[in-house]
């Protein structure tokens, strides 16, 4: 089993309208995970949470899962280039 963790976040409706919606991020990140060969994908989502807040609930949970081990890739959308990284 090769595991990937994907983290999705959108803070404003404007971001969602510009193509960064949770659904669009999910599609892009899952495609990247499959491209890398992931057979198990775990998803964490912070919807409506500002990027300026570091203690985002799903991000904290994702990092805890990452620390626990067994995850090969941590994938999220890089909105500066609008692709999964």
PDB file of N, CA and C in Angstrom:
ATOM      1  N   UNK A   1       0.843  -1.188   0.000  1.00  0.00           N
ATOM      2  CA  UNK A   1       0.000   0.000   0.000  1.00  0.00           C
ATOM      3  C   UNK A   1       0.888   1.252   0.000  1.00  0.00           C
ATOM      4  N   UNK A   2       0.608   2.168  -0.905  1.00  0.00           N
ATOM      5  CA  UNK A   2       1.326   3.429  -0.975  1.00  0.00           C
ATOM      6  C   UNK A   2       0.322   4.537  -0.676  1.00  0.00           C
ATOM      7  N   UNK A   3       0.548   5.256   0.418  1.00  0.00           N
ATOM      8  CA  UNK A   3      -0.434   6.226   0.895  1.00  0.00           C
ATOM      9  C   UNK A   3      -0.052   7.665   0.577  1.00  0.00           C
ATOM     10  N   UNK A   4      -1.072   8.433   0.218  1.00  0.00           N
ATOM     11  CA  UNK A   4      -0.924   9.875   0.004  1.00  0.00           C
ATOM     12  C   UNK A   4      -1.957  10.585   0.865  1.00  0.00           C
ATOM     13  N   UNK A   5      -1.589  11.746   1.336  1.00  0.00           N
ATOM     14  CA  UNK A   5      -2.480  12.599   2.105  1.00  0.00           C
ATOM     15  C   UNK A   5      -2.691  13.849   1.266  1.00  0.00           C
ATOM     16  N   UNK A   6      -3.943  14.236   1.057  1.00  0.00           N
ATOM     17  CA  UNK A   6      -4.201  15.480   0.342  1.00  0.00           C
ATOM     18  C   UNK A   6      -4.870  16.477   1.284  1.00  0.00           C
ATOM     19  N   UNK A   7      -4.440  17.726   1.170  1.00  0.00           N
ATOM     20  CA  UNK A   7      -4.989  18.804   1.994  1.00  0.00           C
ATOM     21  C   UNK A   7      -5.635  19.826   1.076  1.00  0.00           C
ATOM     22  N   UNK A   8      -6.892  20.129   1.352  1.00  0.00           N
ATOM     23  CA  UNK A   8      -7.681  21.059   0.535  1.00  0.00           C
ATOM     24  C   UNK A   8      -8.151  22.213   1.402  1.00  0.00           C
ATOM     25  N   UNK A   9      -8.065  23.442   0.858  1.00  0.00           N
ATOM     26  CA  UNK A   9      -8.536  24.599   1.617  1.00  0.00           C
ATOM     27  C   UNK A   9      -8.955  25.696   0.667  1.00  0.00           C
ATOM     28  N   UNK A  10     -10.052  26.326   0.997  1.00  0.00           N
ATOM     29  CA  UNK A  10     -10.478  27.543   0.312  1.00  0.00           C
ATOM     30  C   UNK A  10     -11.058  28.452   1.390  1.00  0.00           C
ATOM     31  N   UNK A  11     -10.677  29.733   1.325  1.00  0.00           N
ATOM     32  CA  UNK A  11     -11.131  30.630   2.387  1.00  0.00           C
ATOM     33  C   UNK A  11     -12.254  31.555   1.949  1.00  0.00           C
ATOM     34  N   UNK A  12     -12.368  31.809   0.647  1.00  0.00           N
ATOM     35  CA  UNK A  12     -13.383  32.750   0.198  1.00  0.00           C
ATOM     36  C   UNK A  12     -14.140  32.212  -1.006  1.00  0.00           C
ATOM     37  N   UNK A  13     -15.330  32.726  -1.206  1.00  0.00           N
ATOM     38  CA  UNK A  13     -16.120  32.350  -2.376  1.00  0.00           C
ATOM     39  C   UNK A  13     -15.417  32.793  -3.653  1.00  0.00           C
ATOM     40  N   UNK A  14     -14.702  33.927  -3.590  1.00  0.00           N
ATOM     41  CA  UNK A  14     -13.969  34.417  -4.761  1.00  0.00           C
ATOM     42  C   UNK A  14     -12.927  33.389  -5.216  1.00  0.00           C
ATOM     43  N   UNK A  15     -12.216  32.798  -4.265  1.00  0.00           N
ATOM     44  CA  UNK A  15     -11.232  31.773  -4.624  1.00  0.00           C
ATOM     45  C   UNK A  15     -11.923  30.592  -5.296  1.00  0.00           C
ATOM     46  N   UNK A  16     -13.039  30.186  -4.772  1.00  0.00           N
ATOM     47  CA  UNK A  16     -13.779  29.061  -5.342  1.00  0.00           C
ATOM     48  C   UNK A  16     -14.200  29.370  -6.767  1.00  0.00           C
ATOM     49  N   UNK A  17     -14.605  30.615  -7.007  1.00  0.00           N
ATOM     50  CA  UNK A  17     -15.044  31.019  -8.343  1.00  0.00           C
ATOM     51  C   UNK A  17     -13.887  31.125  -9.327  1.00  0.00           C
ATOM     52  N   UNK A  18     -12.662  31.342  -8.828  1.00  0.00           N
ATOM     53  CA  UNK A  18     -11.491  31.453  -9.701  1.00  0.00           C
ATOM     54  C   UNK A  18     -10.875  30.091 -10.021  1.00  0.00           C
ATOM     55  N   UNK A  19     -11.557  29.019  -9.681  1.00  0.00           N
ATOM     56  CA  UNK A  19     -11.055  27.698 -10.014  1.00  0.00           C
ATOM     57  C   UNK A  19     -10.340  26.988  -8.895  1.00  0.00           C
ATOM     58  N   UNK A  20     -10.367  27.556  -7.697  1.00  0.00           N
ATOM     59  CA  UNK A  20      -9.712  26.923  -6.561  1.00  0.00           C
ATOM     60  C   UNK A  20     -10.723  26.249  -5.637  1.00  0.00           C
ATOM     61  N   UNK A  21     -11.900  25.930  -6.149  1.00  0.00           N
ATOM     62  CA  UNK A  21     -12.926  25.324  -5.307  1.00  0.00           C
ATOM     63  C   UNK A  21     -12.402  24.015  -4.713  1.00  0.00           C
ATOM     64  N   UNK A  22     -13.037  23.572  -3.653  1.00  0.00           N
ATOM     65  CA  UNK A  22     -12.655  22.300  -3.032  1.00  0.00           C
ATOM     66  C   UNK A  22     -12.755  21.177  -4.067  1.00  0.00           C
ATOM     67  N   UNK A  23     -13.812  21.177  -4.854  1.00  0.00           N
ATOM     68  CA  UNK A  23     -13.980  20.128  -5.871  1.00  0.00           C
ATOM     69  C   UNK A  23     -12.845  20.153  -6.895  1.00  0.00           C
ATOM     70  N   UNK A  24     -12.459  21.350  -7.342  1.00  0.00           N
ATOM     71  CA  UNK A  24     -11.366  21.472  -8.321  1.00  0.00           C
ATOM     72  C   UNK A  24     -10.034  21.034  -7.705  1.00  0.00           C
ATOM     73  N   UNK A  25      -9.788  21.437  -6.463  1.00  0.00           N
ATOM     74  CA  UNK A  25      -8.571  21.022  -5.778  1.00  0.00           C
ATOM     75  C   UNK A  25      -8.542  19.508  -5.602  1.00  0.00           C
ATOM     76  N   UNK A  26      -9.682  18.958  -5.195  1.00  0.00           N
ATOM     77  CA  UNK A  26      -9.785  17.509  -4.981  1.00  0.00           C
ATOM     78  C   UNK A  26      -9.417  16.758  -6.259  1.00  0.00           C
ATOM     79  N   UNK A  27      -9.981  17.182  -7.363  1.00  0.00           N
ATOM     80  CA  UNK A  27      -9.725  16.522  -8.644  1.00  0.00           C
ATOM     81  C   UNK A  27      -8.236  16.587  -9.004  1.00  0.00           C
ATOM     82  N   UNK A  28      -7.653  17.765  -8.891  1.00  0.00           N
ATOM     83  CA  UNK A  28      -6.242  17.962  -9.227  1.00  0.00           C
ATOM     84  C   UNK A  28      -5.325  17.157  -8.291  1.00  0.00           C
ATOM     85  N   UNK A  29      -5.597  17.215  -7.007  1.00  0.00           N
ATOM     86  CA  UNK A  29      -4.741  16.529  -6.031  1.00  0.00           C
ATOM     87  C   UNK A  29      -4.871  15.011  -6.127  1.00  0.00           C
ATOM     88  N   UNK A  30      -6.078  14.521  -6.332  1.00  0.00           N
ATOM     89  CA  UNK A  30      -6.253  13.070  -6.491  1.00  0.00           C
ATOM     90  C   UNK A  30      -5.568  12.581  -7.766  1.00  0.00           C
ATOM     91  N   UNK A  31      -5.637  13.367  -8.825  1.00  0.00           N
ATOM     92  CA  UNK A  31      -4.954  12.996 -10.070  1.00  0.00           C
ATOM     93  C   UNK A  31      -3.446  12.915  -9.834  1.00  0.00           C
ATOM     94  N   UNK A  32      -2.900  13.866  -9.086  1.00  0.00           N
ATOM     95  CA  UNK A  32      -1.473  13.863  -8.777  1.00  0.00           C
ATOM     96  C   UNK A  32      -1.112  12.643  -7.939  1.00  0.00           C
ATOM     97  N   UNK A  33      -1.946  12.323  -6.959  1.00  0.00           N
ATOM     98  CA  UNK A  33      -1.690  11.151  -6.114  1.00  0.00           C
ATOM     99  C   UNK A  33      -1.680   9.875  -6.947  1.00  0.00           C
ATOM    100  N   UNK A  34      -2.638   9.746  -7.845  1.00  0.00           N
ATOM    101  CA  UNK A  34      -2.679   8.563  -8.712  1.00  0.00           C
ATOM    102  C   UNK A  34      -1.461   8.521  -9.628  1.00  0.00           C
ATOM    103  N   UNK A  35      -1.073   9.677 -10.150  1.00  0.00           N
ATOM    104  CA  UNK A  35       0.114   9.772 -11.011  1.00  0.00           C
ATOM    105  C   UNK A  35       1.363   9.286 -10.269  1.00  0.00           C
ATOM    106  N   UNK A  36       1.435   9.585  -8.981  1.00  0.00           N
ATOM    107  CA  UNK A  36       2.580   9.173  -8.168  1.00  0.00           C
ATOM    108  C   UNK A  36       2.508   7.700  -7.755  1.00  0.00           C
ATOM    109  N   UNK A  37       1.360   7.087  -7.987  1.00  0.00           N
ATOM    110  CA  UNK A  37       1.203   5.674  -7.654  1.00  0.00           C
ATOM    111  C   UNK A  37       0.527   5.387  -6.331  1.00  0.00           C
ATOM    112  N   UNK A  38      -0.116   6.373  -5.753  1.00  0.00           N
ATOM    113  CA  UNK A  38      -0.795   6.163  -4.476  1.00  0.00           C
ATOM    114  C   UNK A  38      -1.958   5.187  -4.646  1.00  0.00           C
ATOM    115  N   UNK A  39      -2.048   4.253  -3.728  1.00  0.00           N
ATOM    116  CA  UNK A  39      -3.154   3.301  -3.733  1.00  0.00           C
ATOM    117  C   UNK A  39      -4.159   3.616  -2.626  1.00  0.00           C
ATOM    118  N   UNK A  40      -3.756   4.462  -1.708  1.00  0.00           N
ATOM    119  CA  UNK A  40      -4.651   4.919  -0.632  1.00  0.00           C
ATOM    120  C   UNK A  40      -4.511   6.427  -0.511  1.00  0.00           C
ATOM    121  N   UNK A  41      -5.638   7.143  -0.555  1.00  0.00           N
ATOM    122  CA  UNK A  41      -5.621   8.607  -0.465  1.00  0.00           C
ATOM    123  C   UNK A  41      -6.497   9.029   0.710  1.00  0.00           C
ATOM    124  N   UNK A  42      -5.896   9.763   1.636  1.00  0.00           N
ATOM    125  CA  UNK A  42      -6.632  10.318   2.774  1.00  0.00           C
ATOM    126  C   UNK A  42      -6.762  11.818   2.550  1.00  0.00           C
ATOM    127  N   UNK A  43      -7.948  12.338   2.776  1.00  0.00           N
ATOM    128  CA  UNK A  43      -8.250  13.735   2.466  1.00  0.00           C
ATOM    129  C   UNK A  43      -8.588  14.517   3.726  1.00  0.00           C
ATOM    130  N   UNK A  44      -8.044  15.727   3.818  1.00  0.00           N
ATOM    131  CA  UNK A  44      -8.345  16.652   4.907  1.00  0.00           C
ATOM    132  C   UNK A  44      -8.767  17.976   4.277  1.00  0.00           C
ATOM    133  N   UNK A  45      -9.854  18.569   4.779  1.00  0.00           N
ATOM    134  CA  UNK A  45     -10.418  19.780   4.173  1.00  0.00           C
ATOM    135  C   UNK A  45     -10.683  20.860   5.222  1.00  0.00           C
ATOM    136  N   UNK A  46     -10.170  22.050   4.969  1.00  0.00           N
ATOM    137  CA  UNK A  46     -10.501  23.252   5.743  1.00  0.00           C
ATOM    138  C   UNK A  46     -11.213  24.193   4.788  1.00  0.00           C
ATOM    139  N   UNK A  47     -12.528  24.251   4.881  1.00  0.00           N
ATOM    140  CA  UNK A  47     -13.301  25.118   3.996  1.00  0.00           C
ATOM    141  C   UNK A  47     -13.678  26.388   4.745  1.00  0.00           C
ATOM    142  N   UNK A  48     -13.374  27.540   4.143  1.00  0.00           N
ATOM    143  CA  UNK A  48     -13.717  28.819   4.754  1.00  0.00           C
ATOM    144  C   UNK A  48     -12.757  29.249   5.840  1.00  0.00           C
ATOM    145  N   UNK A  49     -11.538  28.672   5.854  1.00  0.00           N
ATOM    146  CA  UNK A  49     -10.551  29.027   6.867  1.00  0.00           C
ATOM    147  C   UNK A  49      -9.417  29.805   6.212  1.00  0.00           C
ATOM    148  N   UNK A  50      -9.114  30.970   6.732  1.00  0.00           N
ATOM    149  CA  UNK A  50      -8.077  31.842   6.173  1.00  0.00           C
ATOM    150  C   UNK A  50      -6.701  31.187   6.243  1.00  0.00           C
ATOM    151  N   UNK A  51      -5.908  31.437   5.223  1.00  0.00           N
ATOM    152  CA  UNK A  51      -4.533  30.955   5.203  1.00  0.00           C
ATOM    153  C   UNK A  51      -3.665  31.631   6.251  1.00  0.00           C
ATOM    154  N   UNK A  52      -4.118  32.757   6.772  1.00  0.00           N
ATOM    155  CA  UNK A  52      -3.337  33.458   7.794  1.00  0.00           C
ATOM    156  C   UNK A  52      -3.448  32.776   9.159  1.00  0.00           C
ATOM    157  N   UNK A  53      -4.398  31.867   9.287  1.00  0.00           N
ATOM    158  CA  UNK A  53      -4.571  31.114  10.531  1.00  0.00           C
ATOM    159  C   UNK A  53      -3.770  29.824  10.413  1.00  0.00           C
ATOM    160  N   UNK A  54      -2.758  29.661  11.240  1.00  0.00           N
ATOM    161  CA  UNK A  54      -1.915  28.470  11.154  1.00  0.00           C
ATOM    162  C   UNK A  54      -2.537  27.256  11.836  1.00  0.00           C
ATOM    163  N   UNK A  55      -3.362  27.479  12.830  1.00  0.00           N
ATOM    164  CA  UNK A  55      -3.987  26.376  13.558  1.00  0.00           C
ATOM    165  C   UNK A  55      -5.307  25.976  12.904  1.00  0.00           C
ATOM    166  N   UNK A  56      -5.251  25.602  11.635  1.00  0.00           N
ATOM    167  CA  UNK A  56      -6.450  25.160  10.919  1.00  0.00           C
ATOM    168  C   UNK A  56      -6.751  23.726  11.333  1.00  0.00           C
ATOM    169  N   UNK A  57      -7.982  23.420  11.716  1.00  0.00           N
ATOM    170  CA  UNK A  57      -8.315  22.089  12.246  1.00  0.00           C
ATOM    171  C   UNK A  57      -7.894  20.923  11.348  1.00  0.00           C
ATOM    172  N   UNK A  58      -8.229  20.979  10.072  1.00  0.00           N
ATOM    173  CA  UNK A  58      -7.886  19.860   9.189  1.00  0.00           C
ATOM    174  C   UNK A  58      -6.384  19.805   8.925  1.00  0.00           C
ATOM    175  N   UNK A  59      -5.719  20.956   8.864  1.00  0.00           N
ATOM    176  CA  UNK A  59      -4.275  20.961   8.659  1.00  0.00           C
ATOM    177  C   UNK A  59      -3.570  20.338   9.858  1.00  0.00           C
ATOM    178  N   UNK A  60      -3.997  20.701  11.044  1.00  0.00           N
ATOM    179  CA  UNK A  60      -3.410  20.127  12.257  1.00  0.00           C
ATOM    180  C   UNK A  60      -3.606  18.607  12.258  1.00  0.00           C
ATOM    181  N   UNK A  61      -4.804  18.149  11.914  1.00  0.00           N
ATOM    182  CA  UNK A  61      -5.080  16.710  11.861  1.00  0.00           C
ATOM    183  C   UNK A  61      -4.234  16.019  10.795  1.00  0.00           C
ATOM    184  N   UNK A  62      -4.076  16.673   9.642  1.00  0.00           N
ATOM    185  CA  UNK A  62      -3.271  16.108   8.559  1.00  0.00           C
ATOM    186  C   UNK A  62      -1.812  15.970   8.998  1.00  0.00           C
ATOM    187  N   UNK A  63      -1.283  16.979   9.652  1.00  0.00           N
ATOM    188  CA  UNK A  63       0.104  16.931  10.103  1.00  0.00           C
ATOM    189  C   UNK A  63       0.304  15.854  11.168  1.00  0.00           C
ATOM    190  N   UNK A  64      -0.690  15.671  12.022  1.00  0.00           N
ATOM    191  CA  UNK A  64      -0.611  14.602  13.027  1.00  0.00           C
ATOM    192  C   UNK A  64      -0.575  13.232  12.350  1.00  0.00           C
ATOM    193  N   UNK A  65      -1.408  13.043  11.337  1.00  0.00           N
ATOM    194  CA  UNK A  65      -1.411  11.778  10.598  1.00  0.00           C
ATOM    195  C   UNK A  65      -0.077  11.574   9.900  1.00  0.00           C
ATOM    196  N   UNK A  66       0.471  12.639   9.348  1.00  0.00           N
ATOM    197  CA  UNK A  66       1.767  12.568   8.685  1.00  0.00           C
ATOM    198  C   UNK A  66       2.854  12.155   9.682  1.00  0.00           C
ATOM    199  N   UNK A  67       2.837  12.753  10.864  1.00  0.00           N
ATOM    200  CA  UNK A  67       3.813  12.429  11.901  1.00  0.00           C
ATOM    201  C   UNK A  67       3.707  10.975  12.350  1.00  0.00           C
ATOM    202  N   UNK A  68       2.505  10.429  12.328  1.00  0.00           N
ATOM    203  CA  UNK A  68       2.284   9.052  12.775  1.00  0.00           C
ATOM    204  C   UNK A  68       2.943   8.041  11.835  1.00  0.00           C
ATOM    205  N   UNK A  69       3.240   8.474  10.618  1.00  0.00           N
ATOM    206  CA  UNK A  69       3.938   7.612   9.673  1.00  0.00           C
ATOM    207  C   UNK A  69       3.001   6.895   8.721  1.00  0.00           C
ATOM    208  N   UNK A  70       3.601   6.270   7.727  1.00  0.00           N
ATOM    209  CA  UNK A  70       2.845   5.505   6.748  1.00  0.00           C
ATOM    210  C   UNK A  70       2.357   6.302   5.552  1.00  0.00           C
ATOM    211  N   UNK A  71       2.656   7.594   5.525  1.00  0.00           N
ATOM    212  CA  UNK A  71       2.243   8.449   4.409  1.00  0.00           C
ATOM    213  C   UNK A  71       3.485   8.748   3.563  1.00  0.00           C
ATOM    214  N   UNK A  72       3.390   8.465   2.287  1.00  0.00           N
ATOM    215  CA  UNK A  72       4.533   8.722   1.400  1.00  0.00           C
ATOM    216  C   UNK A  72       4.506  10.145   0.840  1.00  0.00           C
ATOM    217  N   UNK A  73       3.307  10.645   0.531  1.00  0.00           N
ATOM    218  CA  UNK A  73       3.197  11.981  -0.080  1.00  0.00           C
ATOM    219  C   UNK A  73       2.164  12.836   0.640  1.00  0.00           C
ATOM    220  N   UNK A  74       2.487  14.126   0.783  1.00  0.00           N
ATOM    221  CA  UNK A  74       1.564  15.154   1.267  1.00  0.00           C
ATOM    222  C   UNK A  74       1.333  16.063   0.064  1.00  0.00           C
ATOM    223  N   UNK A  75       0.091  16.120  -0.417  1.00  0.00           N
ATOM    224  CA  UNK A  75      -0.214  16.843  -1.652  1.00  0.00           C
ATOM    225  C   UNK A  75      -1.234  17.942  -1.384  1.00  0.00           C
ATOM    226  N   UNK A  76      -0.966  19.131  -1.906  1.00  0.00           N
ATOM    227  CA  UNK A  76      -1.932  20.232  -1.847  1.00  0.00           C
ATOM    228  C   UNK A  76      -1.781  21.056  -3.111  1.00  0.00           C
ATOM    229  N   UNK A  77      -2.767  21.898  -3.391  1.00  0.00           N
ATOM    230  CA  UNK A  77      -2.733  22.727  -4.593  1.00  0.00           C
ATOM    231  C   UNK A  77      -1.884  23.955  -4.339  1.00  0.00           C
ATOM    232  N   UNK A  78      -0.942  24.210  -5.216  1.00  0.00           N
ATOM    233  CA  UNK A  78      -0.128  25.417  -5.161  1.00  0.00           C
ATOM    234  C   UNK A  78      -0.833  26.450  -6.040  1.00  0.00           C
ATOM    235  N   UNK A  79      -1.567  27.357  -5.432  1.00  0.00           N
ATOM    236  CA  UNK A  79      -2.371  28.309  -6.199  1.00  0.00           C
ATOM    237  C   UNK A  79      -1.530  29.334  -6.940  1.00  0.00           C
ATOM    238  N   UNK A  80      -0.255  29.454  -6.618  1.00  0.00           N
ATOM    239  CA  UNK A  80       0.591  30.388  -7.355  1.00  0.00           C
ATOM    240  C   UNK A  80       0.861  29.873  -8.767  1.00  0.00           C
ATOM    241  N   UNK A  81       0.765  28.562  -8.940  1.00  0.00           N
ATOM    242  CA  UNK A  81       0.942  27.970 -10.278  1.00  0.00           C
ATOM    243  C   UNK A  81      -0.268  27.131 -10.665  1.00  0.00           C
ATOM    244  N   UNK A  82      -1.230  27.035  -9.749  1.00  0.00           N
ATOM    245  CA  UNK A  82      -2.499  26.335  -9.956  1.00  0.00           C
ATOM    246  C   UNK A  82      -2.308  24.883 -10.410  1.00  0.00           C
ATOM    247  N   UNK A  83      -1.463  24.169  -9.641  1.00  0.00           N
ATOM    248  CA  UNK A  83      -1.317  22.738  -9.887  1.00  0.00           C
ATOM    249  C   UNK A  83      -0.952  22.063  -8.573  1.00  0.00           C
ATOM    250  N   UNK A  84      -1.218  20.771  -8.511  1.00  0.00           N
ATOM    251  CA  UNK A  84      -0.914  20.017  -7.308  1.00  0.00           C
ATOM    252  C   UNK A  84       0.586  19.869  -7.162  1.00  0.00           C
ATOM    253  N   UNK A  85       1.046  20.014  -5.921  1.00  0.00           N
ATOM    254  CA  UNK A  85       2.479  19.888  -5.652  1.00  0.00           C
ATOM    255  C   UNK A  85       2.704  19.011  -4.448  1.00  0.00           C
TER     256      UNK A  85
END
